[in-house]
Amino acid sequence: MAVPKIKATYSLDVESIRALEDLARRWGVAKSEALRRAIRAAVDAGRGEESDALRAFNELQEALALSPADAKAWAHRVRAERRASGTRSARSKV
């Protein structure tokens, strides 16, 4: 069964084209295949990474060492304070 392909046009700078041509030559494949492999490798490399913001958030959560019960109690107190102050989110006004 044939693999469906989509033709697309992209503008690349000279340095990127030369790098792509070099990869294709080293791998012994067409430039399109080299580009597909490079894209797949970049996606695979990024899968296990977390953003700086997410990493900071996770570190904060670990540093607080809240139990699930403590976290639930905190959320309950915050909701109660918000209700008591009459502050509503933009979402609830819609």
C-alpha atoms as a PDB file:
ATOM      1  CA  MET A   1       0.000   0.000   0.000  1.00  0.00           C
ATOM      2  CA  ALA A   2       1.324   3.412  -0.934  1.00  0.00           C
ATOM      3  CA  VAL A   3       2.055   5.946   1.772  1.00  0.00           C
ATOM      4  CA  PRO A   4       0.068   9.124   1.128  1.00  0.00           C
ATOM      5  CA  LYS A   5       2.230  12.184   0.617  1.00  0.00           C
ATOM      6  CA  ILE A   6       1.409  15.865   0.451  1.00  0.00           C
ATOM      7  CA  LYS A   7       3.454  18.217  -1.690  1.00  0.00           C
ATOM      8  CA  ALA A   8       4.329  21.429   0.105  1.00  0.00           C
ATOM      9  CA  THR A   9       6.516  24.430  -0.559  1.00  0.00           C
ATOM     10  CA  TYR A  10       8.742  25.964   2.108  1.00  0.00           C
ATOM     11  CA  SER A  11      11.295  28.728   1.999  1.00  0.00           C
ATOM     12  CA  LEU A  12      14.578  27.842   3.638  1.00  0.00           C
ATOM     13  CA  ASP A  13      17.718  29.875   4.052  1.00  0.00           C
ATOM     14  CA  VAL A  14      20.879  28.811   2.236  1.00  0.00           C
ATOM     15  CA  GLU A  15      22.461  27.352   5.384  1.00  0.00           C
ATOM     16  CA  SER A  16      19.429  25.110   6.025  1.00  0.00           C
ATOM     17  CA  ILE A  17      19.366  23.911   2.415  1.00  0.00           C
ATOM     18  CA  ARG A  18      23.062  23.059   2.552  1.00  0.00           C
ATOM     19  CA  ALA A  19      22.561  21.186   5.827  1.00  0.00           C
ATOM     20  CA  LEU A  20      19.614  19.282   4.321  1.00  0.00           C
ATOM     21  CA  GLU A  21      21.634  18.392   1.235  1.00  0.00           C
ATOM     22  CA  ASP A  22      24.518  17.240   3.434  1.00  0.00           C
ATOM     23  CA  LEU A  23      22.198  15.031   5.523  1.00  0.00           C
ATOM     24  CA  ALA A  24      20.634  13.533   2.402  1.00  0.00           C
ATOM     25  CA  ARG A  25      24.065  12.803   0.928  1.00  0.00           C
ATOM     26  CA  ARG A  26      25.359  11.219   4.182  1.00  0.00           C
ATOM     27  CA  TRP A  27      22.241   9.112   4.628  1.00  0.00           C
ATOM     28  CA  GLY A  28      22.042   8.204   0.955  1.00  0.00           C
ATOM     29  CA  VAL A  29      18.437   9.360   0.627  1.00  0.00           C
ATOM     30  CA  ALA A  30      16.481  12.078  -1.163  1.00  0.00           C
ATOM     31  CA  LYS A  31      16.217  15.496   0.456  1.00  0.00           C
ATOM     32  CA  SER A  32      12.520  14.878   1.158  1.00  0.00           C
ATOM     33  CA  GLU A  33      13.357  11.707   3.087  1.00  0.00           C
ATOM     34  CA  ALA A  34      16.158  13.458   4.967  1.00  0.00           C
ATOM     35  CA  LEU A  35      13.726  16.212   5.940  1.00  0.00           C
ATOM     36  CA  ARG A  36      11.123  13.651   7.107  1.00  0.00           C
ATOM     37  CA  ARG A  37      13.740  11.872   9.217  1.00  0.00           C
ATOM     38  CA  ALA A  38      14.981  15.131  10.723  1.00  0.00           C
ATOM     39  CA  ILE A  39      11.442  16.165  11.621  1.00  0.00           C
ATOM     40  CA  ARG A  40      10.705  12.784  13.217  1.00  0.00           C
ATOM     41  CA  ALA A  41      13.961  12.928  15.183  1.00  0.00           C
ATOM     42  CA  ALA A  42      13.156  16.425  16.455  1.00  0.00           C
ATOM     43  CA  VAL A  43       9.667  15.343  17.532  1.00  0.00           C
ATOM     44  CA  ASP A  44      10.999  12.234  19.272  1.00  0.00           C
ATOM     45  CA  ALA A  45      13.696  14.246  21.044  1.00  0.00           C
ATOM     46  CA  GLY A  46      11.138  16.728  22.351  1.00  0.00           C
ATOM     47  CA  ARG A  47       8.630  14.201  23.670  1.00  0.00           C
ATOM     48  CA  GLY A  48      10.287  13.644  27.038  1.00  0.00           C
ATOM     49  CA  GLU A  49      11.052  17.281  27.703  1.00  0.00           C
ATOM     50  CA  GLU A  50       8.948  19.549  29.824  1.00  0.00           C
ATOM     51  CA  SER A  51       8.837  23.289  29.500  1.00  0.00           C
ATOM     52  CA  ASP A  52      10.626  25.545  31.967  1.00  0.00           C
ATOM     53  CA  ALA A  53       7.256  26.702  33.286  1.00  0.00           C
ATOM     54  CA  LEU A  54       6.016  23.158  33.820  1.00  0.00           C
ATOM     55  CA  ARG A  55       9.301  22.169  35.456  1.00  0.00           C
ATOM     56  CA  ALA A  56       9.065  25.166  37.835  1.00  0.00           C
ATOM     57  CA  PHE A  57       5.444  24.295  38.638  1.00  0.00           C
ATOM     58  CA  ASN A  58       6.351  20.670  39.369  1.00  0.00           C
ATOM     59  CA  GLU A  59       9.245  21.761  41.589  1.00  0.00           C
ATOM     60  CA  LEU A  60       6.926  24.122  43.481  1.00  0.00           C
ATOM     61  CA  GLN A  61       4.399  21.369  44.034  1.00  0.00           C
ATOM     62  CA  GLU A  62       7.105  19.028  45.302  1.00  0.00           C
ATOM     63  CA  ALA A  63       8.498  21.718  47.625  1.00  0.00           C
ATOM     64  CA  LEU A  64       5.041  22.313  49.139  1.00  0.00           C
ATOM     65  CA  ALA A  65       4.682  18.604  49.850  1.00  0.00           C
ATOM     66  CA  LEU A  66       0.903  18.892  50.083  1.00  0.00           C
ATOM     67  CA  SER A  67      -1.041  15.725  50.596  1.00  0.00           C
ATOM     68  CA  PRO A  68      -4.076  15.266  48.355  1.00  0.00           C
ATOM     69  CA  ALA A  69      -6.304  16.040  51.359  1.00  0.00           C
ATOM     70  CA  ASP A  70      -4.394  19.256  52.137  1.00  0.00           C
ATOM     71  CA  ALA A  71      -4.556  20.323  48.481  1.00  0.00           C
ATOM     72  CA  LYS A  72      -8.319  19.677  48.403  1.00  0.00           C
ATOM     73  CA  ALA A  73      -8.813  21.669  51.615  1.00  0.00           C
ATOM     74  CA  TRP A  74      -6.772  24.554  50.194  1.00  0.00           C
ATOM     75  CA  ALA A  75      -8.844  24.582  46.988  1.00  0.00           C
ATOM     76  CA  HIS A  76     -12.039  24.565  49.065  1.00  0.00           C
ATOM     77  CA  ARG A  77     -10.833  27.543  51.168  1.00  0.00           C
ATOM     78  CA  VAL A  78      -9.856  29.512  48.058  1.00  0.00           C
ATOM     79  CA  ARG A  79     -13.249  28.906  46.420  1.00  0.00           C
ATOM     80  CA  ALA A  80     -15.019  29.961  49.602  1.00  0.00           C
ATOM     81  CA  GLU A  81     -12.928  33.148  49.804  1.00  0.00           C
ATOM     82  CA  ARG A  82     -13.708  33.982  46.178  1.00  0.00           C
ATOM     83  CA  ARG A  83     -17.432  33.437  46.707  1.00  0.00           C
ATOM     84  CA  ALA A  84     -17.369  35.553  49.861  1.00  0.00           C
ATOM     85  CA  SER A  85     -15.574  38.428  48.140  1.00  0.00           C
ATOM     86  CA  GLY A  86     -18.086  38.443  45.287  1.00  0.00           C
ATOM     87  CA  THR A  87     -15.299  38.281  42.713  1.00  0.00           C
ATOM     88  CA  ARG A  88     -16.382  36.410  39.633  1.00  0.00           C
ATOM     89  CA  SER A  89     -14.314  35.240  36.726  1.00  0.00           C
ATOM     90  CA  ALA A  90     -15.009  36.542  33.236  1.00  0.00           C
ATOM     91  CA  ARG A  91     -16.235  33.054  32.362  1.00  0.00           C
ATOM     92  CA  SER A  92     -19.060  33.130  34.919  1.00  0.00           C
ATOM     93  CA  LYS A  93     -20.311  36.511  33.593  1.00  0.00           C
ATOM     94  CA  VAL A  94     -20.886  35.142  30.109  1.00  0.00           C
END
